[in-house]
Amino acid sequence: MNGAATLELSGIQAGYGDFSALFGVGLRVEPGEAVGVVGPNGAGKTTLLRVISGLLRPSAGTLRYGDQDLTKVPAHLLPELGIAHVPENRRLFPHLTVEENLKVGAYAKSARAHFAERRDHVYDLFPRMAQRRHQLAGTMSGGEQQMCAIGRALMCAPKILLLDEPSAGLAPLVVQQVFDLVRRIRQEGLTVLIVEQNVAQVLRVVDRAYVLETGRVAAEGKSAELAADPVLRRSYLGMH
């Protein structure tokens, strides 16, 4: 599976100053899997991804990717390990062109030599990005910016892709396109961990999911089982 390893978190506690956001969270993502983390606003979903990608250090717990202790790896070296993060609100460089943003995604030493090949692969996945390659990223629609952000993350040929709220602020039709892209990425054998409030959509594209509530794992299981559980549907998933 693309040389991927197992991502495993155990007993993760994290927060911001005096505010605690995660209380003993554990999860596991096997190579080739797509796993979702769902739950209401303020449940700790984004904090969890920030911990995994090294932007926030946990105060307790273990975080491993294969035989690597990720708590000891600086965030900027994670792409070298094959971990790419598409942050919430996309975080593109608005005054750079699409192609320049993609070039930023290939800054890891291992990716620089394969820039043209990876760029062409991204343009195959996102034909609209090829059409917009010389356009400033900040002038594109929200959906196009999300495609560019995912494309930028793919430039380092990651083994595991972390997606934070990829459907946020997008029109329903564009949301559908984003999740169709997640399916295509999966078909290439890429491991995906996706944090998302659009529960109905995400449960259609992942194998398993964890339900976070106020910083704790309230439930976990196969996506079809979670989607069918009436208590979970009402209480945690906002589905009826």
Protein backbone atom coordinates (compact mmCIF):
# COMPACT_ATOMS: atom_id res chain seq x y z
CA MET A 1 0.00 0.00 0.00
CA ASN A 2 2.33 2.69 -1.24
CA GLY A 3 4.82 1.95 1.57
CA ALA A 4 2.42 3.34 4.18
CA ALA A 5 2.61 2.48 7.86
CA THR A 6 0.03 2.27 10.63
CA LEU A 7 -0.85 5.54 12.37
CA GLU A 8 -1.64 4.95 16.03
CA LEU A 9 -2.61 7.38 18.79
CA SER A 10 -3.09 6.36 22.39
CA GLY A 11 -4.12 8.42 25.43
CA ILE A 12 -3.65 11.76 23.66
CA GLN A 13 -4.28 14.82 25.76
CA ALA A 14 -3.86 18.27 24.26
CA GLY A 15 -5.10 21.82 24.52
CA TYR A 16 -4.28 25.50 24.28
CA GLY A 17 -2.90 27.15 27.41
CA ASP A 18 -5.29 26.38 30.26
CA PHE A 19 -7.95 25.03 27.89
CA SER A 20 -8.00 21.25 27.41
CA ALA A 21 -9.41 20.04 24.09
CA LEU A 22 -8.57 16.30 24.00
CA PHE A 23 -8.89 13.85 26.90
CA GLY A 24 -7.18 10.51 26.36
CA VAL A 25 -8.04 10.09 22.69
CA GLY A 26 -6.93 6.95 20.86
CA LEU A 27 -7.35 5.95 17.23
CA ARG A 28 -5.72 3.76 14.62
CA VAL A 29 -5.46 4.04 10.83
CA GLU A 30 -4.17 1.03 8.91
CA PRO A 31 -2.37 1.34 5.55
CA GLY A 32 -4.85 1.75 2.69
CA GLU A 33 -7.76 2.60 4.98
CA ALA A 34 -9.96 5.67 4.90
CA VAL A 35 -10.99 6.66 8.41
CA GLY A 36 -13.30 9.48 9.44
CA VAL A 37 -13.44 11.54 12.62
CA VAL A 38 -16.87 13.08 13.04
CA GLY A 39 -18.69 15.01 15.74
CA PRO A 40 -20.14 18.40 16.56
CA ASN A 41 -18.35 21.74 16.46
CA GLY A 42 -15.94 22.08 19.36
CA ALA A 43 -15.52 18.33 19.78
CA GLY A 44 -11.74 18.53 19.24
CA LYS A 45 -11.55 17.28 15.65
CA THR A 46 -9.24 19.99 14.30
CA THR A 47 -7.09 19.83 17.44
CA LEU A 48 -6.65 16.10 16.83
CA LEU A 49 -5.33 16.69 13.30
CA ARG A 50 -3.07 19.48 14.53
CA VAL A 51 -1.55 17.03 17.02
CA ILE A 52 -0.96 14.41 14.33
CA SER A 53 0.67 16.90 11.96
CA GLY A 54 2.97 18.31 14.65
CA LEU A 55 1.39 21.77 14.82
CA LEU A 56 0.38 21.13 18.44
CA ARG A 57 2.33 18.98 20.87
CA PRO A 58 0.25 16.68 23.10
CA SER A 59 0.68 17.03 26.87
CA ALA A 60 0.29 13.27 27.30
CA GLY A 61 -0.08 10.10 25.24
CA THR A 62 1.74 8.38 22.38
CA LEU A 63 1.64 9.11 18.68
CA ARG A 64 3.32 6.70 16.29
CA TYR A 65 3.54 6.26 12.54
CA GLY A 66 5.08 2.85 11.98
CA ASP A 67 8.24 2.81 14.08
CA GLN A 68 8.45 6.64 14.23
CA ASP A 69 7.52 8.55 17.38
CA LEU A 70 5.81 11.57 15.80
CA THR A 71 6.01 13.63 18.98
CA LYS A 72 9.75 13.88 18.31
CA VAL A 73 9.49 14.83 14.61
CA PRO A 74 9.31 18.56 13.73
CA ALA A 75 6.20 19.44 11.73
CA HIS A 76 8.16 20.54 8.64
CA LEU A 77 9.77 17.08 8.34
CA LEU A 78 6.47 15.14 8.26
CA PRO A 79 6.18 15.31 4.44
CA GLU A 80 9.50 13.40 4.28
CA LEU A 81 7.75 10.61 6.24
CA GLY A 82 4.85 10.67 3.78
CA ILE A 83 2.33 12.59 5.90
CA ALA A 84 0.48 15.51 4.27
CA HIS A 85 -2.09 17.78 5.93
CA VAL A 86 -4.79 19.74 4.09
CA PRO A 87 -5.70 22.30 6.78
CA GLU A 88 -9.07 23.77 7.61
CA ASN A 89 -9.92 26.80 5.41
CA ARG A 90 -7.35 25.57 2.85
CA ARG A 91 -4.55 28.01 3.82
CA LEU A 92 -3.36 28.64 0.27
CA PHE A 93 -0.98 31.45 -0.61
CA PRO A 94 -3.56 33.77 -2.22
CA HIS A 95 -1.04 35.96 -4.07
CA LEU A 96 0.73 32.99 -5.67
CA THR A 97 -0.56 31.21 -8.76
CA VAL A 98 -1.98 27.69 -8.68
CA GLU A 99 1.27 26.29 -10.03
CA GLU A 100 3.34 28.24 -7.50
CA ASN A 101 1.18 26.85 -4.69
CA LEU A 102 1.79 23.35 -6.03
CA LYS A 103 5.52 24.06 -6.07
CA VAL A 104 5.33 24.93 -2.36
CA GLY A 105 3.82 21.48 -1.79
CA ALA A 106 6.89 19.88 -3.36
CA TYR A 107 9.44 21.58 -1.08
CA ALA A 108 10.43 18.31 0.65
CA LYS A 109 13.80 17.12 -0.65
CA SER A 110 12.36 13.80 -1.78
CA ALA A 111 9.65 15.60 -3.81
CA ARG A 112 11.69 18.29 -5.59
CA ALA A 113 13.19 15.95 -8.19
CA HIS A 114 9.71 14.72 -9.17
CA PHE A 115 7.99 18.10 -9.39
CA ALA A 116 6.92 17.92 -13.06
CA GLU A 117 5.69 14.34 -12.73
CA ARG A 118 3.67 15.10 -9.56
CA ARG A 119 2.29 18.35 -11.02
CA ASP A 120 1.07 16.50 -14.11
CA HIS A 121 -0.53 13.87 -11.88
CA VAL A 122 -2.36 16.60 -9.95
CA TYR A 123 -3.52 18.17 -13.22
CA ASP A 124 -4.84 14.76 -14.33
CA LEU A 125 -6.81 14.51 -11.08
CA PHE A 126 -7.97 18.14 -11.26
CA PRO A 127 -8.26 19.23 -14.92
CA ARG A 128 -9.59 22.60 -13.75
CA MET A 129 -6.30 23.26 -11.96
CA ALA A 130 -4.46 22.82 -15.25
CA GLN A 131 -6.75 25.45 -16.79
CA ARG A 132 -6.15 27.77 -13.82
CA ARG A 133 -2.43 27.09 -13.43
CA HIS A 134 -1.43 30.75 -13.96
CA GLN A 135 -4.34 32.22 -11.97
CA LEU A 136 -3.78 33.65 -8.48
CA ALA A 137 -5.13 31.15 -5.95
CA GLY A 138 -6.97 33.85 -4.00
CA THR A 139 -9.14 34.76 -7.00
CA MET A 140 -10.62 31.26 -7.44
CA SER A 141 -13.89 29.89 -6.05
CA GLY A 142 -13.96 28.02 -2.75
CA GLY A 143 -14.26 24.68 -4.49
CA GLU A 144 -11.33 25.41 -6.78
CA GLN A 145 -9.25 26.51 -3.80
CA GLN A 146 -10.05 23.24 -2.03
CA MET A 147 -8.93 21.28 -5.09
CA CYS A 148 -5.71 23.32 -5.17
CA ALA A 149 -5.11 22.67 -1.45
CA ILE A 150 -5.57 18.91 -1.90
CA GLY A 151 -3.36 19.04 -5.00
CA ARG A 152 -0.66 20.88 -3.06
CA ALA A 153 -0.70 18.15 -0.39
CA LEU A 154 -0.40 15.46 -3.06
CA MET A 155 2.75 17.07 -4.47
CA CYS A 156 4.96 15.38 -1.86
CA ALA A 157 3.64 11.93 -2.92
CA PRO A 158 2.21 11.29 0.56
CA LYS A 159 1.41 7.87 1.99
CA ILE A 160 -1.26 9.26 4.32
CA LEU A 161 -3.41 12.32 3.68
CA LEU A 162 -4.96 14.27 6.58
CA LEU A 163 -8.03 16.24 5.48
CA ASP A 164 -9.52 18.83 7.83
CA GLU A 165 -13.14 19.77 7.03
CA PRO A 166 -12.73 19.59 3.23
CA SER A 167 -16.42 20.41 2.62
CA ALA A 168 -16.56 23.51 4.88
CA GLY A 169 -18.22 26.49 3.23
CA LEU A 170 -18.75 24.78 -0.12
CA ALA A 171 -21.95 24.45 -2.14
CA PRO A 172 -23.58 20.97 -2.09
CA LEU A 173 -22.60 20.20 -5.68
CA VAL A 174 -18.96 21.10 -4.97
CA VAL A 175 -19.03 19.03 -1.76
CA GLN A 176 -20.03 16.05 -3.90
CA GLN A 177 -17.08 16.70 -6.24
CA VAL A 178 -14.65 16.89 -3.29
CA PHE A 179 -15.81 13.55 -1.90
CA ASP A 180 -15.67 11.98 -5.37
CA LEU A 181 -12.03 13.09 -5.46
CA VAL A 182 -11.41 11.44 -2.08
CA ARG A 183 -12.74 8.20 -3.59
CA ARG A 184 -10.36 8.52 -6.55
CA ILE A 185 -7.40 9.22 -4.28
CA ARG A 186 -8.26 6.12 -2.28
CA GLN A 187 -8.28 4.00 -5.41
CA GLU A 188 -4.59 4.83 -5.79
CA GLY A 189 -3.95 3.11 -2.46
CA LEU A 190 -3.53 6.31 -0.45
CA THR A 191 -4.40 6.15 3.25
CA VAL A 192 -6.83 8.91 4.29
CA LEU A 193 -7.82 10.36 7.68
CA ILE A 194 -10.64 12.85 7.25
CA VAL A 195 -12.14 15.16 9.87
CA GLU A 196 -15.56 16.35 8.79
CA GLN A 197 -18.84 17.81 10.00
CA ASN A 198 -20.73 16.61 6.92
CA VAL A 199 -21.35 13.22 8.51
CA ALA A 200 -23.67 11.74 5.90
CA GLN A 201 -21.16 12.39 3.11
CA VAL A 202 -18.05 11.26 4.96
CA LEU A 203 -19.59 7.97 6.11
CA ARG A 204 -20.11 7.09 2.44
CA VAL A 205 -16.40 7.33 1.61
CA VAL A 206 -14.64 5.96 4.72
CA ASP A 207 -14.26 2.38 5.98
CA ARG A 208 -14.49 3.25 9.65
CA ALA A 209 -15.13 6.31 11.79
CA TYR A 210 -14.62 7.66 15.27
CA VAL A 211 -17.21 9.92 16.89
CA LEU A 212 -15.63 12.66 19.01
CA GLU A 213 -17.64 14.45 21.68
CA THR A 214 -16.10 17.10 23.95
CA GLY A 215 -12.60 15.77 23.39
CA ARG A 216 -13.33 12.09 23.95
CA VAL A 217 -14.08 9.17 21.62
CA ALA A 218 -17.80 8.55 22.19
CA ALA A 219 -18.11 5.74 19.63
CA GLU A 220 -16.21 4.00 16.87
CA GLY A 221 -17.00 1.40 14.26
CA LYS A 222 -17.54 0.60 10.62
CA SER A 223 -19.13 3.51 8.81
CA ALA A 224 -22.22 1.53 7.76
CA GLU A 225 -22.83 0.46 11.38
CA LEU A 226 -22.47 4.00 12.70
CA ALA A 227 -24.77 5.37 10.01
CA ALA A 228 -27.43 2.79 10.92
CA ASP A 229 -27.30 3.26 14.72
CA PRO A 230 -30.40 5.32 15.66
CA VAL A 231 -28.96 6.69 18.93
CA LEU A 232 -25.73 7.78 17.26
CA ARG A 233 -27.62 9.25 14.32
CA ARG A 234 -29.66 11.47 16.63
CA SER A 235 -27.21 12.27 19.41
CA TYR A 236 -23.85 12.66 17.68
CA LEU A 237 -24.25 12.63 13.96
CA GLY A 238 -27.09 15.12 13.51
CA MET A 239 -28.84 12.65 11.20
CA HIS A 240 -32.48 11.56 11.42
